[in-house]
Amino acid sequence: MRGIIFDLDGTLADTLAGIAGAMNRALAMVDMPAHPEAAYRDFVGEGIEILAERVLPAAARGDVTLRAALVSAYRLDYGAHLLDGVLPYPGIVELLDTLTARELPMGVLSNKPDGPTRAMVAALFPGRFREVRGQRDDTPRKPDPAAALAIAHVLGLPPAEIALIGDTQIDLETARRAGMRPLGVAWGFRPAAELAAHGVVVLNEPSDLLAHLTLV
């Protein structure tokens, strides 16, 4: 492998508290019940529209107007609190330092909206990535491979020479559809066993990637 694409939430940075806080405040604004922070581990990963649908009570999910109001409230709140409680996972900065020193081309692909994705990566990991893409209106979200392939083009590498690393089944499926090498992480939002069940290598800590690349 000659290049790497990282997921953001649950892979590079622990953003769960910020997402949960913003969505719970948005739920309060539309008079809907909040959820425990841990519940958001299963809610996130497929974009803001799916997140909004999942957090609403089952009886309210068909209310398009309510969902739109919730999405709008969340966008405003999250934008104002983007970095609240957000930190890179232990070992991530050191890993990126090592990969940068090796001049390994890297990118980020997230189902978080494109603006917040770019802002967060710029704040937490300045100068580390050649291409950063969040969810855009003109490109289908993961697991559609279009955005991953667009990043591969910027990195100047064929998909087969790129590893796509993430913490959810969506990331693994994206890698497979794009013809990339899927790798899971054990420190993210989903249990490691859930990822391993899909027949992929699961990294227990960020530094494990270096040994894996050496073996390859």
N, C-alpha and C. Protein backbone atom coordinates (compact mmCIF):
# COMPACT_ATOMS: atom_id res chain seq x y z
N MET A 1 0.84 -1.20 0.00
CA MET A 1 0.00 0.00 0.00
C MET A 1 0.87 1.25 0.00
N ARG A 2 0.50 2.20 -0.83
CA ARG A 2 1.30 3.41 -0.98
C ARG A 2 0.55 4.66 -0.55
N GLY A 3 -0.69 4.52 -0.10
CA GLY A 3 -1.47 5.66 0.35
C GLY A 3 -2.56 5.22 1.32
N ILE A 4 -3.07 6.16 2.10
CA ILE A 4 -4.08 5.85 3.12
C ILE A 4 -5.17 6.90 3.11
N ILE A 5 -6.41 6.44 3.21
CA ILE A 5 -7.56 7.32 3.43
C ILE A 5 -8.14 6.98 4.80
N PHE A 6 -8.27 7.99 5.65
CA PHE A 6 -8.81 7.81 7.00
C PHE A 6 -10.24 8.32 7.07
N ASP A 7 -11.08 7.61 7.77
CA ASP A 7 -12.34 8.17 8.27
C ASP A 7 -11.97 9.19 9.35
N LEU A 8 -12.91 10.06 9.70
CA LEU A 8 -12.64 11.09 10.72
C LEU A 8 -13.23 10.73 12.08
N ASP A 9 -14.56 10.75 12.19
CA ASP A 9 -15.23 10.50 13.46
C ASP A 9 -15.05 9.04 13.88
N GLY A 10 -14.47 8.84 15.07
CA GLY A 10 -14.29 7.49 15.56
C GLY A 10 -13.04 6.81 15.03
N THR A 11 -12.28 7.50 14.20
CA THR A 11 -11.05 6.93 13.64
C THR A 11 -9.85 7.83 13.94
N LEU A 12 -9.91 9.07 13.48
CA LEU A 12 -8.86 10.03 13.81
C LEU A 12 -9.14 10.76 15.12
N ALA A 13 -10.40 11.09 15.35
CA ALA A 13 -10.75 11.90 16.52
C ALA A 13 -11.99 11.36 17.22
N ASP A 14 -12.00 11.52 18.52
CA ASP A 14 -13.17 11.16 19.33
C ASP A 14 -14.11 12.35 19.34
N THR A 15 -15.15 12.28 18.55
CA THR A 15 -16.09 13.39 18.38
C THR A 15 -17.46 13.08 18.97
N LEU A 16 -17.59 11.96 19.65
CA LEU A 16 -18.91 11.49 20.08
C LEU A 16 -19.61 12.48 21.00
N ALA A 17 -18.89 13.02 21.98
CA ALA A 17 -19.51 13.94 22.93
C ALA A 17 -20.04 15.19 22.23
N GLY A 18 -19.27 15.69 21.26
CA GLY A 18 -19.70 16.88 20.54
C GLY A 18 -20.94 16.63 19.69
N ILE A 19 -20.97 15.50 19.01
CA ILE A 19 -22.13 15.15 18.18
C ILE A 19 -23.35 14.95 19.05
N ALA A 20 -23.19 14.19 20.14
CA ALA A 20 -24.32 13.91 21.04
C ALA A 20 -24.84 15.19 21.67
N GLY A 21 -23.94 16.05 22.12
CA GLY A 21 -24.37 17.30 22.74
C GLY A 21 -25.14 18.18 21.79
N ALA A 22 -24.63 18.33 20.56
CA ALA A 22 -25.30 19.19 19.58
C ALA A 22 -26.66 18.62 19.19
N MET A 23 -26.73 17.30 18.99
CA MET A 23 -28.01 16.72 18.58
C MET A 23 -29.01 16.74 19.73
N ASN A 24 -28.57 16.51 20.94
CA ASN A 24 -29.51 16.56 22.07
C ASN A 24 -30.06 17.96 22.27
N ARG A 25 -29.23 18.97 22.06
CA ARG A 25 -29.73 20.35 22.15
C ARG A 25 -30.71 20.64 21.01
N ALA A 26 -30.41 20.09 19.82
CA ALA A 26 -31.33 20.27 18.69
C ALA A 26 -32.65 19.56 18.95
N LEU A 27 -32.60 18.38 19.54
CA LEU A 27 -33.82 17.66 19.87
C LEU A 27 -34.67 18.46 20.85
N ALA A 28 -34.03 19.08 21.81
CA ALA A 28 -34.77 19.90 22.77
C ALA A 28 -35.46 21.07 22.08
N MET A 29 -34.84 21.60 21.05
CA MET A 29 -35.41 22.75 20.33
C MET A 29 -36.67 22.37 19.56
N VAL A 30 -36.80 21.09 19.19
CA VAL A 30 -38.01 20.65 18.48
C VAL A 30 -38.90 19.81 19.39
N ASP A 31 -38.65 19.92 20.71
CA ASP A 31 -39.49 19.25 21.72
C ASP A 31 -39.49 17.73 21.58
N MET A 32 -38.34 17.16 21.31
CA MET A 32 -38.18 15.71 21.23
C MET A 32 -37.21 15.25 22.31
N PRO A 33 -37.32 14.01 22.78
CA PRO A 33 -36.46 13.53 23.87
C PRO A 33 -35.01 13.33 23.43
N ALA A 34 -34.10 13.54 24.38
CA ALA A 34 -32.67 13.36 24.14
C ALA A 34 -32.28 11.90 24.34
N HIS A 35 -31.00 11.60 24.05
CA HIS A 35 -30.47 10.25 24.19
C HIS A 35 -29.16 10.28 24.99
N PRO A 36 -28.82 9.18 25.67
CA PRO A 36 -27.52 9.10 26.33
C PRO A 36 -26.40 9.20 25.29
N GLU A 37 -25.28 9.73 25.69
CA GLU A 37 -24.16 9.88 24.76
C GLU A 37 -23.78 8.55 24.12
N ALA A 38 -23.77 7.47 24.91
CA ALA A 38 -23.35 6.17 24.38
C ALA A 38 -24.23 5.69 23.24
N ALA A 39 -25.49 6.10 23.23
CA ALA A 39 -26.41 5.66 22.18
C ALA A 39 -25.97 6.16 20.81
N TYR A 40 -25.24 7.26 20.80
CA TYR A 40 -24.82 7.84 19.52
C TYR A 40 -23.76 7.01 18.82
N ARG A 41 -23.17 6.06 19.51
CA ARG A 41 -22.22 5.15 18.86
C ARG A 41 -22.89 4.39 17.72
N ASP A 42 -24.17 4.07 17.90
CA ASP A 42 -24.91 3.35 16.87
C ASP A 42 -25.65 4.28 15.92
N PHE A 43 -25.83 5.53 16.31
CA PHE A 43 -26.59 6.47 15.47
C PHE A 43 -25.74 7.05 14.34
N VAL A 44 -24.45 7.27 14.61
CA VAL A 44 -23.62 8.03 13.67
C VAL A 44 -23.02 7.15 12.59
N GLY A 45 -22.49 7.79 11.55
CA GLY A 45 -21.73 7.08 10.54
C GLY A 45 -22.27 7.18 9.13
N GLU A 46 -23.55 7.57 8.97
CA GLU A 46 -24.13 7.59 7.63
C GLU A 46 -24.67 8.96 7.23
N GLY A 47 -24.16 9.99 7.84
CA GLY A 47 -24.55 11.33 7.45
C GLY A 47 -25.62 11.93 8.34
N ILE A 48 -25.80 13.23 8.21
CA ILE A 48 -26.66 13.97 9.12
C ILE A 48 -28.14 13.62 8.95
N GLU A 49 -28.58 13.36 7.74
CA GLU A 49 -29.99 13.04 7.52
C GLU A 49 -30.36 11.72 8.20
N ILE A 50 -29.50 10.72 8.06
CA ILE A 50 -29.75 9.42 8.70
C ILE A 50 -29.65 9.56 10.22
N LEU A 51 -28.70 10.36 10.70
CA LEU A 51 -28.59 10.61 12.13
C LEU A 51 -29.88 11.20 12.68
N ALA A 52 -30.41 12.20 11.98
CA ALA A 52 -31.65 12.84 12.43
C ALA A 52 -32.80 11.85 12.46
N GLU A 53 -32.87 10.99 11.49
CA GLU A 53 -33.94 9.99 11.45
C GLU A 53 -33.82 9.02 12.62
N ARG A 54 -32.61 8.61 12.92
CA ARG A 54 -32.40 7.61 13.97
C ARG A 54 -32.69 8.15 15.37
N VAL A 55 -32.44 9.43 15.60
CA VAL A 55 -32.64 9.95 16.96
C VAL A 55 -34.09 10.31 17.25
N LEU A 56 -34.90 10.42 16.22
CA LEU A 56 -36.32 10.74 16.45
C LEU A 56 -37.08 9.51 16.91
N PRO A 57 -38.11 9.69 17.74
CA PRO A 57 -38.97 8.57 18.10
C PRO A 57 -39.56 7.95 16.84
N ALA A 58 -39.79 6.65 16.87
CA ALA A 58 -40.27 5.93 15.69
C ALA A 58 -41.53 6.58 15.11
N ALA A 59 -42.42 7.03 15.96
CA ALA A 59 -43.69 7.60 15.49
C ALA A 59 -43.50 8.93 14.78
N ALA A 60 -42.34 9.57 14.98
CA ALA A 60 -42.12 10.90 14.41
C ALA A 60 -41.24 10.87 13.17
N ARG A 61 -40.70 9.72 12.80
CA ARG A 61 -39.71 9.66 11.72
C ARG A 61 -40.31 9.97 10.35
N GLY A 62 -41.60 9.81 10.21
CA GLY A 62 -42.22 10.11 8.93
C GLY A 62 -42.56 11.58 8.74
N ASP A 63 -42.32 12.39 9.76
CA ASP A 63 -42.64 13.81 9.70
C ASP A 63 -41.47 14.56 9.05
N VAL A 64 -41.60 14.82 7.75
CA VAL A 64 -40.51 15.43 6.99
C VAL A 64 -40.19 16.83 7.50
N THR A 65 -41.22 17.58 7.87
CA THR A 65 -41.01 18.94 8.36
C THR A 65 -40.25 18.94 9.68
N LEU A 66 -40.60 18.03 10.56
CA LEU A 66 -39.92 17.91 11.84
C LEU A 66 -38.46 17.53 11.64
N ARG A 67 -38.23 16.57 10.78
CA ARG A 67 -36.84 16.14 10.54
C ARG A 67 -36.01 17.26 9.95
N ALA A 68 -36.59 18.02 9.03
CA ALA A 68 -35.86 19.14 8.44
C ALA A 68 -35.52 20.19 9.49
N ALA A 69 -36.46 20.43 10.40
CA ALA A 69 -36.21 21.40 11.47
C ALA A 69 -35.10 20.90 12.40
N LEU A 70 -35.10 19.60 12.66
CA LEU A 70 -34.07 19.02 13.52
C LEU A 70 -32.70 19.13 12.85
N VAL A 71 -32.62 18.81 11.57
CA VAL A 71 -31.35 18.91 10.84
C VAL A 71 -30.83 20.35 10.86
N SER A 72 -31.72 21.30 10.63
CA SER A 72 -31.33 22.71 10.63
C SER A 72 -30.81 23.14 11.99
N ALA A 73 -31.51 22.75 13.04
CA ALA A 73 -31.09 23.11 14.40
C ALA A 73 -29.74 22.48 14.74
N TYR A 74 -29.56 21.24 14.31
CA TYR A 74 -28.30 20.56 14.58
C TYR A 74 -27.14 21.23 13.85
N ARG A 75 -27.34 21.56 12.59
CA ARG A 75 -26.27 22.20 11.81
C ARG A 75 -25.80 23.49 12.49
N LEU A 76 -26.76 24.30 12.94
CA LEU A 76 -26.41 25.57 13.57
C LEU A 76 -25.65 25.34 14.88
N ASP A 77 -26.16 24.42 15.69
CA ASP A 77 -25.53 24.18 16.99
C ASP A 77 -24.15 23.55 16.82
N TYR A 78 -24.07 22.56 15.94
CA TYR A 78 -22.79 21.86 15.76
C TYR A 78 -21.73 22.79 15.20
N GLY A 79 -22.13 23.67 14.29
CA GLY A 79 -21.18 24.62 13.75
C GLY A 79 -20.62 25.56 14.80
N ALA A 80 -21.44 25.87 15.80
CA ALA A 80 -21.00 26.78 16.86
C ALA A 80 -20.17 26.07 17.92
N HIS A 81 -20.22 24.74 17.96
CA HIS A 81 -19.52 23.97 19.00
C HIS A 81 -18.67 22.86 18.38
N LEU A 82 -18.14 23.10 17.19
CA LEU A 82 -17.51 22.05 16.40
C LEU A 82 -16.41 21.31 17.14
N LEU A 83 -15.59 22.00 17.88
CA LEU A 83 -14.43 21.37 18.52
C LEU A 83 -14.63 21.12 20.01
N ASP A 84 -15.83 21.35 20.51
CA ASP A 84 -16.08 21.12 21.94
C ASP A 84 -15.84 19.66 22.31
N GLY A 85 -14.89 19.43 23.21
CA GLY A 85 -14.62 18.08 23.70
C GLY A 85 -13.96 17.16 22.69
N VAL A 86 -13.53 17.69 21.55
CA VAL A 86 -12.96 16.85 20.49
C VAL A 86 -11.44 16.77 20.65
N LEU A 87 -10.93 15.55 20.64
CA LEU A 87 -9.50 15.33 20.73
C LEU A 87 -9.09 14.20 19.79
N PRO A 88 -7.88 14.27 19.22
CA PRO A 88 -7.37 13.11 18.48
C PRO A 88 -7.26 11.91 19.43
N TYR A 89 -7.49 10.73 18.93
CA TYR A 89 -7.30 9.55 19.76
C TYR A 89 -5.82 9.42 20.13
N PRO A 90 -5.51 8.85 21.30
CA PRO A 90 -4.12 8.66 21.69
C PRO A 90 -3.33 7.90 20.61
N GLY A 91 -2.20 8.44 20.25
CA GLY A 91 -1.34 7.80 19.27
C GLY A 91 -1.57 8.24 17.84
N ILE A 92 -2.67 8.94 17.57
CA ILE A 92 -2.97 9.34 16.19
C ILE A 92 -1.99 10.40 15.69
N VAL A 93 -1.73 11.41 16.49
CA VAL A 93 -0.81 12.47 16.05
C VAL A 93 0.57 11.89 15.76
N GLU A 94 1.02 11.01 16.63
CA GLU A 94 2.33 10.38 16.43
C GLU A 94 2.34 9.54 15.15
N LEU A 95 1.25 8.82 14.91
CA LEU A 95 1.15 8.02 13.68
C LEU A 95 1.23 8.92 12.45
N LEU A 96 0.48 10.01 12.46
CA LEU A 96 0.47 10.91 11.31
C LEU A 96 1.84 11.55 11.11
N ASP A 97 2.53 11.85 12.20
CA ASP A 97 3.89 12.39 12.10
C ASP A 97 4.79 11.40 11.37
N THR A 98 4.69 10.14 11.74
CA THR A 98 5.54 9.11 11.13
C THR A 98 5.20 8.92 9.66
N LEU A 99 3.92 8.87 9.35
CA LEU A 99 3.51 8.68 7.96
C LEU A 99 3.88 9.88 7.10
N THR A 100 3.79 11.07 7.68
CA THR A 100 4.19 12.28 6.95
C THR A 100 5.69 12.24 6.67
N ALA A 101 6.48 11.82 7.66
CA ALA A 101 7.92 11.72 7.46
C ALA A 101 8.26 10.72 6.37
N ARG A 102 7.43 9.71 6.23
CA ARG A 102 7.65 8.71 5.16
C ARG A 102 7.09 9.20 3.82
N GLU A 103 6.51 10.38 3.82
CA GLU A 103 5.92 10.97 2.60
C GLU A 103 4.84 10.08 2.01
N LEU A 104 4.06 9.46 2.87
CA LEU A 104 2.96 8.61 2.43
C LEU A 104 1.75 9.51 2.13
N PRO A 105 1.21 9.48 0.92
CA PRO A 105 0.05 10.31 0.60
C PRO A 105 -1.16 9.90 1.44
N MET A 106 -1.85 10.90 2.04
CA MET A 106 -2.97 10.61 2.92
C MET A 106 -4.16 11.52 2.62
N GLY A 107 -5.34 10.99 2.85
CA GLY A 107 -6.56 11.77 2.71
C GLY A 107 -7.54 11.44 3.82
N VAL A 108 -8.61 12.23 3.91
CA VAL A 108 -9.68 12.00 4.88
C VAL A 108 -11.00 11.98 4.13
N LEU A 109 -11.84 11.00 4.48
CA LEU A 109 -13.17 10.89 3.89
C LEU A 109 -14.18 10.66 5.01
N SER A 110 -15.14 11.58 5.14
CA SER A 110 -16.13 11.51 6.21
C SER A 110 -17.53 11.70 5.65
N ASN A 111 -18.52 11.14 6.34
CA ASN A 111 -19.92 11.41 6.03
C ASN A 111 -20.43 12.63 6.79
N LYS A 112 -19.57 13.25 7.59
CA LYS A 112 -19.89 14.54 8.19
C LYS A 112 -19.95 15.58 7.05
N PRO A 113 -20.82 16.59 7.13
CA PRO A 113 -20.85 17.61 6.08
C PRO A 113 -19.47 18.16 5.77
N ASP A 114 -19.26 18.56 4.53
CA ASP A 114 -17.93 18.91 4.05
C ASP A 114 -17.31 20.08 4.81
N GLY A 115 -18.08 21.12 5.08
CA GLY A 115 -17.52 22.27 5.78
C GLY A 115 -16.97 21.94 7.15
N PRO A 116 -17.78 21.33 8.03
CA PRO A 116 -17.26 20.94 9.35
C PRO A 116 -16.11 19.94 9.26
N THR A 117 -16.16 19.04 8.28
CA THR A 117 -15.06 18.08 8.13
C THR A 117 -13.75 18.80 7.87
N ARG A 118 -13.76 19.71 6.92
CA ARG A 118 -12.55 20.44 6.57
C ARG A 118 -12.06 21.31 7.73
N ALA A 119 -13.00 21.95 8.41
CA ALA A 119 -12.62 22.82 9.53
C ALA A 119 -12.00 22.02 10.67
N MET A 120 -12.58 20.86 10.96
CA MET A 120 -12.07 20.05 12.06
C MET A 120 -10.68 19.50 11.74
N VAL A 121 -10.52 18.98 10.53
CA VAL A 121 -9.22 18.43 10.15
C VAL A 121 -8.16 19.53 10.14
N ALA A 122 -8.50 20.71 9.65
CA ALA A 122 -7.54 21.81 9.63
C ALA A 122 -7.12 22.22 11.03
N ALA A 123 -8.06 22.16 11.98
CA ALA A 123 -7.75 22.55 13.36
C ALA A 123 -6.94 21.50 14.09
N LEU A 124 -7.26 20.24 13.87
CA LEU A 124 -6.62 19.16 14.62
C LEU A 124 -5.35 18.63 13.97
N PHE A 125 -5.33 18.61 12.64
CA PHE A 125 -4.22 17.97 11.92
C PHE A 125 -3.74 18.85 10.76
N PRO A 126 -3.31 20.06 11.03
CA PRO A 126 -2.94 20.98 9.94
C PRO A 126 -1.80 20.44 9.09
N GLY A 127 -1.98 20.53 7.78
CA GLY A 127 -0.92 20.18 6.85
C GLY A 127 -0.64 18.71 6.66
N ARG A 128 -1.50 17.86 7.21
CA ARG A 128 -1.21 16.42 7.16
C ARG A 128 -1.76 15.74 5.91
N PHE A 129 -2.85 16.24 5.35
CA PHE A 129 -3.58 15.50 4.32
C PHE A 129 -3.62 16.24 3.00
N ARG A 130 -3.45 15.49 1.92
CA ARG A 130 -3.50 16.09 0.58
C ARG A 130 -4.93 16.40 0.15
N GLU A 131 -5.88 15.62 0.64
CA GLU A 131 -7.27 15.86 0.26
C GLU A 131 -8.18 15.50 1.43
N VAL A 132 -9.16 16.37 1.70
CA VAL A 132 -10.13 16.16 2.77
C VAL A 132 -11.52 16.36 2.17
N ARG A 133 -12.36 15.37 2.34
CA ARG A 133 -13.71 15.46 1.79
C ARG A 133 -14.73 15.01 2.83
N GLY A 134 -15.74 15.83 3.04
CA GLY A 134 -16.90 15.44 3.80
C GLY A 134 -18.06 15.19 2.84
N GLN A 135 -19.26 15.05 3.39
CA GLN A 135 -20.41 14.81 2.54
C GLN A 135 -20.74 16.07 1.75
N ARG A 136 -20.86 15.91 0.43
CA ARG A 136 -21.17 17.02 -0.46
C ARG A 136 -22.45 16.71 -1.23
N ASP A 137 -23.18 17.75 -1.58
CA ASP A 137 -24.44 17.57 -2.28
C ASP A 137 -24.27 16.92 -3.65
N ASP A 138 -23.09 17.11 -4.26
CA ASP A 138 -22.89 16.58 -5.60
C ASP A 138 -22.24 15.20 -5.64
N THR A 139 -22.04 14.59 -4.47
CA THR A 139 -21.39 13.28 -4.41
C THR A 139 -22.12 12.39 -3.41
N PRO A 140 -22.46 11.16 -3.78
CA PRO A 140 -23.13 10.27 -2.83
C PRO A 140 -22.24 10.00 -1.61
N ARG A 141 -22.86 9.81 -0.47
CA ARG A 141 -22.10 9.55 0.75
C ARG A 141 -21.63 8.09 0.78
N LYS A 142 -20.64 7.83 1.64
CA LYS A 142 -20.22 6.45 1.88
C LYS A 142 -21.44 5.61 2.26
N PRO A 143 -21.54 4.36 1.80
CA PRO A 143 -20.50 3.52 1.19
C PRO A 143 -20.35 3.64 -0.32
N ASP A 144 -21.04 4.55 -0.98
CA ASP A 144 -20.78 4.76 -2.39
C ASP A 144 -19.29 5.10 -2.56
N PRO A 145 -18.61 4.52 -3.54
CA PRO A 145 -17.16 4.70 -3.66
C PRO A 145 -16.72 5.98 -4.35
N ALA A 146 -17.66 6.79 -4.85
CA ALA A 146 -17.28 7.93 -5.68
C ALA A 146 -16.30 8.88 -5.00
N ALA A 147 -16.57 9.25 -3.75
CA ALA A 147 -15.69 10.19 -3.05
C ALA A 147 -14.33 9.58 -2.76
N ALA A 148 -14.30 8.30 -2.41
CA ALA A 148 -13.03 7.63 -2.17
C ALA A 148 -12.19 7.59 -3.44
N LEU A 149 -12.83 7.34 -4.57
CA LEU A 149 -12.11 7.30 -5.84
C LEU A 149 -11.61 8.69 -6.22
N ALA A 150 -12.39 9.73 -5.88
CA ALA A 150 -11.95 11.10 -6.15
C ALA A 150 -10.69 11.42 -5.34
N ILE A 151 -10.63 10.96 -4.10
CA ILE A 151 -9.44 11.18 -3.28
C ILE A 151 -8.26 10.42 -3.86
N ALA A 152 -8.49 9.19 -4.32
CA ALA A 152 -7.42 8.40 -4.93
C ALA A 152 -6.81 9.15 -6.11
N HIS A 153 -7.68 9.80 -6.88
CA HIS A 153 -7.19 10.58 -8.03
C HIS A 153 -6.27 11.71 -7.57
N VAL A 154 -6.66 12.41 -6.50
CA VAL A 154 -5.83 13.49 -5.98
C VAL A 154 -4.51 12.95 -5.44
N LEU A 155 -4.57 11.78 -4.79
CA LEU A 155 -3.34 11.19 -4.25
C LEU A 155 -2.44 10.67 -5.35
N GLY A 156 -3.00 10.49 -6.54
CA GLY A 156 -2.20 10.01 -7.66
C GLY A 156 -1.88 8.54 -7.60
N LEU A 157 -2.79 7.75 -6.98
CA LEU A 157 -2.55 6.33 -6.80
C LEU A 157 -3.74 5.51 -7.29
N PRO A 158 -3.51 4.31 -7.79
CA PRO A 158 -4.62 3.43 -8.12
C PRO A 158 -5.29 2.94 -6.84
N PRO A 159 -6.59 2.70 -6.86
CA PRO A 159 -7.30 2.27 -5.64
C PRO A 159 -6.68 1.06 -4.96
N ALA A 160 -6.18 0.12 -5.71
CA ALA A 160 -5.63 -1.10 -5.12
C ALA A 160 -4.40 -0.85 -4.26
N GLU A 161 -3.80 0.33 -4.38
CA GLU A 161 -2.61 0.66 -3.59
C GLU A 161 -2.93 1.57 -2.41
N ILE A 162 -4.24 1.67 -2.08
CA ILE A 162 -4.68 2.54 -0.99
C ILE A 162 -5.41 1.73 0.07
N ALA A 163 -5.12 2.00 1.33
CA ALA A 163 -5.88 1.43 2.44
C ALA A 163 -6.90 2.46 2.91
N LEU A 164 -8.13 2.03 3.13
CA LEU A 164 -9.16 2.90 3.70
C LEU A 164 -9.45 2.40 5.11
N ILE A 165 -9.24 3.27 6.09
CA ILE A 165 -9.27 2.89 7.49
C ILE A 165 -10.45 3.57 8.18
N GLY A 166 -11.26 2.77 8.90
CA GLY A 166 -12.40 3.35 9.59
C GLY A 166 -12.90 2.48 10.71
N ASP A 167 -13.94 2.98 11.38
CA ASP A 167 -14.45 2.30 12.58
C ASP A 167 -15.84 1.71 12.40
N THR A 168 -16.38 1.73 11.18
CA THR A 168 -17.73 1.20 10.98
C THR A 168 -17.77 0.31 9.75
N GLN A 169 -18.85 -0.46 9.67
CA GLN A 169 -19.08 -1.30 8.51
C GLN A 169 -19.18 -0.46 7.23
N ILE A 170 -19.69 0.78 7.36
CA ILE A 170 -19.81 1.67 6.21
C ILE A 170 -18.44 1.93 5.60
N ASP A 171 -17.44 2.15 6.43
CA ASP A 171 -16.09 2.39 5.94
C ASP A 171 -15.53 1.17 5.22
N LEU A 172 -15.76 0.00 5.80
CA LEU A 172 -15.25 -1.23 5.19
C LEU A 172 -15.90 -1.48 3.84
N GLU A 173 -17.20 -1.25 3.77
CA GLU A 173 -17.92 -1.44 2.51
C GLU A 173 -17.47 -0.44 1.46
N THR A 174 -17.20 0.79 1.89
CA THR A 174 -16.69 1.80 0.97
C THR A 174 -15.37 1.35 0.35
N ALA A 175 -14.48 0.84 1.19
CA ALA A 175 -13.19 0.37 0.70
C ALA A 175 -13.36 -0.73 -0.33
N ARG A 176 -14.21 -1.67 -0.01
CA ARG A 176 -14.40 -2.80 -0.94
C ARG A 176 -15.00 -2.35 -2.26
N ARG A 177 -15.97 -1.46 -2.20
CA ARG A 177 -16.59 -0.99 -3.44
C ARG A 177 -15.61 -0.18 -4.29
N ALA A 178 -14.67 0.48 -3.63
CA ALA A 178 -13.69 1.30 -4.35
C ALA A 178 -12.48 0.49 -4.80
N GLY A 179 -12.41 -0.78 -4.42
CA GLY A 179 -11.25 -1.59 -4.75
C GLY A 179 -10.04 -1.29 -3.92
N MET A 180 -10.28 -0.77 -2.68
CA MET A 180 -9.20 -0.45 -1.75
C MET A 180 -9.10 -1.50 -0.66
N ARG A 181 -8.06 -1.41 0.14
CA ARG A 181 -7.84 -2.36 1.23
C ARG A 181 -8.55 -1.86 2.49
N PRO A 182 -9.56 -2.58 3.00
CA PRO A 182 -10.25 -2.13 4.21
C PRO A 182 -9.49 -2.52 5.48
N LEU A 183 -9.37 -1.57 6.40
CA LEU A 183 -8.79 -1.83 7.71
C LEU A 183 -9.71 -1.22 8.77
N GLY A 184 -9.98 -1.96 9.85
CA GLY A 184 -10.81 -1.45 10.94
C GLY A 184 -9.97 -0.98 12.10
N VAL A 185 -10.60 -0.20 13.00
CA VAL A 185 -9.92 0.25 14.22
C VAL A 185 -10.75 -0.15 15.44
N ALA A 186 -10.05 -0.58 16.47
CA ALA A 186 -10.72 -1.07 17.67
C ALA A 186 -11.08 0.03 18.65
N TRP A 187 -10.57 1.24 18.44
CA TRP A 187 -10.78 2.33 19.41
C TRP A 187 -11.96 3.23 19.05
N GLY A 188 -12.68 2.94 18.00
CA GLY A 188 -13.71 3.83 17.52
C GLY A 188 -15.08 3.62 18.14
N PHE A 189 -16.11 4.00 17.38
CA PHE A 189 -17.48 3.99 17.91
C PHE A 189 -18.11 2.60 17.91
N ARG A 190 -17.65 1.69 17.05
CA ARG A 190 -18.22 0.36 16.97
C ARG A 190 -17.29 -0.67 17.61
N PRO A 191 -17.84 -1.76 18.15
CA PRO A 191 -16.99 -2.79 18.77
C PRO A 191 -16.06 -3.43 17.74
N ALA A 192 -14.87 -3.78 18.19
CA ALA A 192 -13.89 -4.40 17.29
C ALA A 192 -14.42 -5.71 16.72
N ALA A 193 -15.16 -6.47 17.54
CA ALA A 193 -15.70 -7.76 17.08
C ALA A 193 -16.65 -7.57 15.91
N GLU A 194 -17.38 -6.48 15.92
CA GLU A 194 -18.33 -6.19 14.82
C GLU A 194 -17.58 -6.01 13.51
N LEU A 195 -16.42 -5.35 13.57
CA LEU A 195 -15.63 -5.13 12.37
C LEU A 195 -14.92 -6.41 11.94
N ALA A 196 -14.37 -7.13 12.91
CA ALA A 196 -13.65 -8.37 12.60
C ALA A 196 -14.57 -9.40 11.96
N ALA A 197 -15.85 -9.34 12.29
CA ALA A 197 -16.82 -10.28 11.71
C ALA A 197 -16.93 -10.12 10.21
N HIS A 198 -16.45 -8.99 9.69
CA HIS A 198 -16.49 -8.77 8.24
C HIS A 198 -15.20 -9.22 7.56
N GLY A 199 -14.36 -9.92 8.31
CA GLY A 199 -13.17 -10.52 7.72
C GLY A 199 -12.06 -9.57 7.39
N VAL A 200 -11.92 -8.48 8.17
CA VAL A 200 -10.85 -7.52 7.92
C VAL A 200 -9.88 -7.48 9.09
N VAL A 201 -8.69 -6.96 8.83
CA VAL A 201 -7.74 -6.71 9.90
C VAL A 201 -8.24 -5.53 10.73
N VAL A 202 -8.23 -5.69 12.06
CA VAL A 202 -8.65 -4.61 12.96
C VAL A 202 -7.42 -4.18 13.77
N LEU A 203 -7.08 -2.91 13.68
CA LEU A 203 -5.94 -2.37 14.40
C LEU A 203 -6.35 -2.09 15.84
N ASN A 204 -5.57 -2.58 16.79
CA ASN A 204 -5.89 -2.37 18.20
C ASN A 204 -5.47 -1.00 18.69
N GLU A 205 -4.45 -0.42 18.08
CA GLU A 205 -4.01 0.93 18.42
C GLU A 205 -3.35 1.52 17.17
N PRO A 206 -3.26 2.84 17.08
CA PRO A 206 -2.76 3.45 15.85
C PRO A 206 -1.40 2.95 15.40
N SER A 207 -0.48 2.72 16.33
CA SER A 207 0.87 2.30 15.93
C SER A 207 0.87 0.93 15.26
N ASP A 208 -0.19 0.14 15.44
CA ASP A 208 -0.27 -1.17 14.78
C ASP A 208 -0.24 -1.03 13.26
N LEU A 209 -0.69 0.11 12.75
CA LEU A 209 -0.69 0.31 11.31
C LEU A 209 0.72 0.25 10.74
N LEU A 210 1.70 0.75 11.47
CA LEU A 210 3.06 0.76 10.98
C LEU A 210 3.60 -0.66 10.79
N ALA A 211 3.33 -1.51 11.76
CA ALA A 211 3.77 -2.90 11.65
C ALA A 211 3.06 -3.59 10.50
N HIS A 212 1.80 -3.27 10.33
CA HIS A 212 1.03 -3.88 9.26
C HIS A 212 1.58 -3.46 7.90
N LEU A 213 1.89 -2.19 7.76
CA LEU A 213 2.46 -1.71 6.50
C LEU A 213 3.81 -2.35 6.25
N THR A 214 4.58 -2.58 7.30
CA THR A 214 5.88 -3.22 7.14
C THR A 214 5.71 -4.63 6.63
N LEU A 215 4.70 -5.35 7.18
CA LEU A 215 4.45 -6.73 6.74
C LEU A 215 4.01 -6.79 5.30
N VAL A 216 3.22 -5.78 4.88
CA VAL A 216 2.75 -5.77 3.51
C VAL A 216 3.91 -5.42 2.58
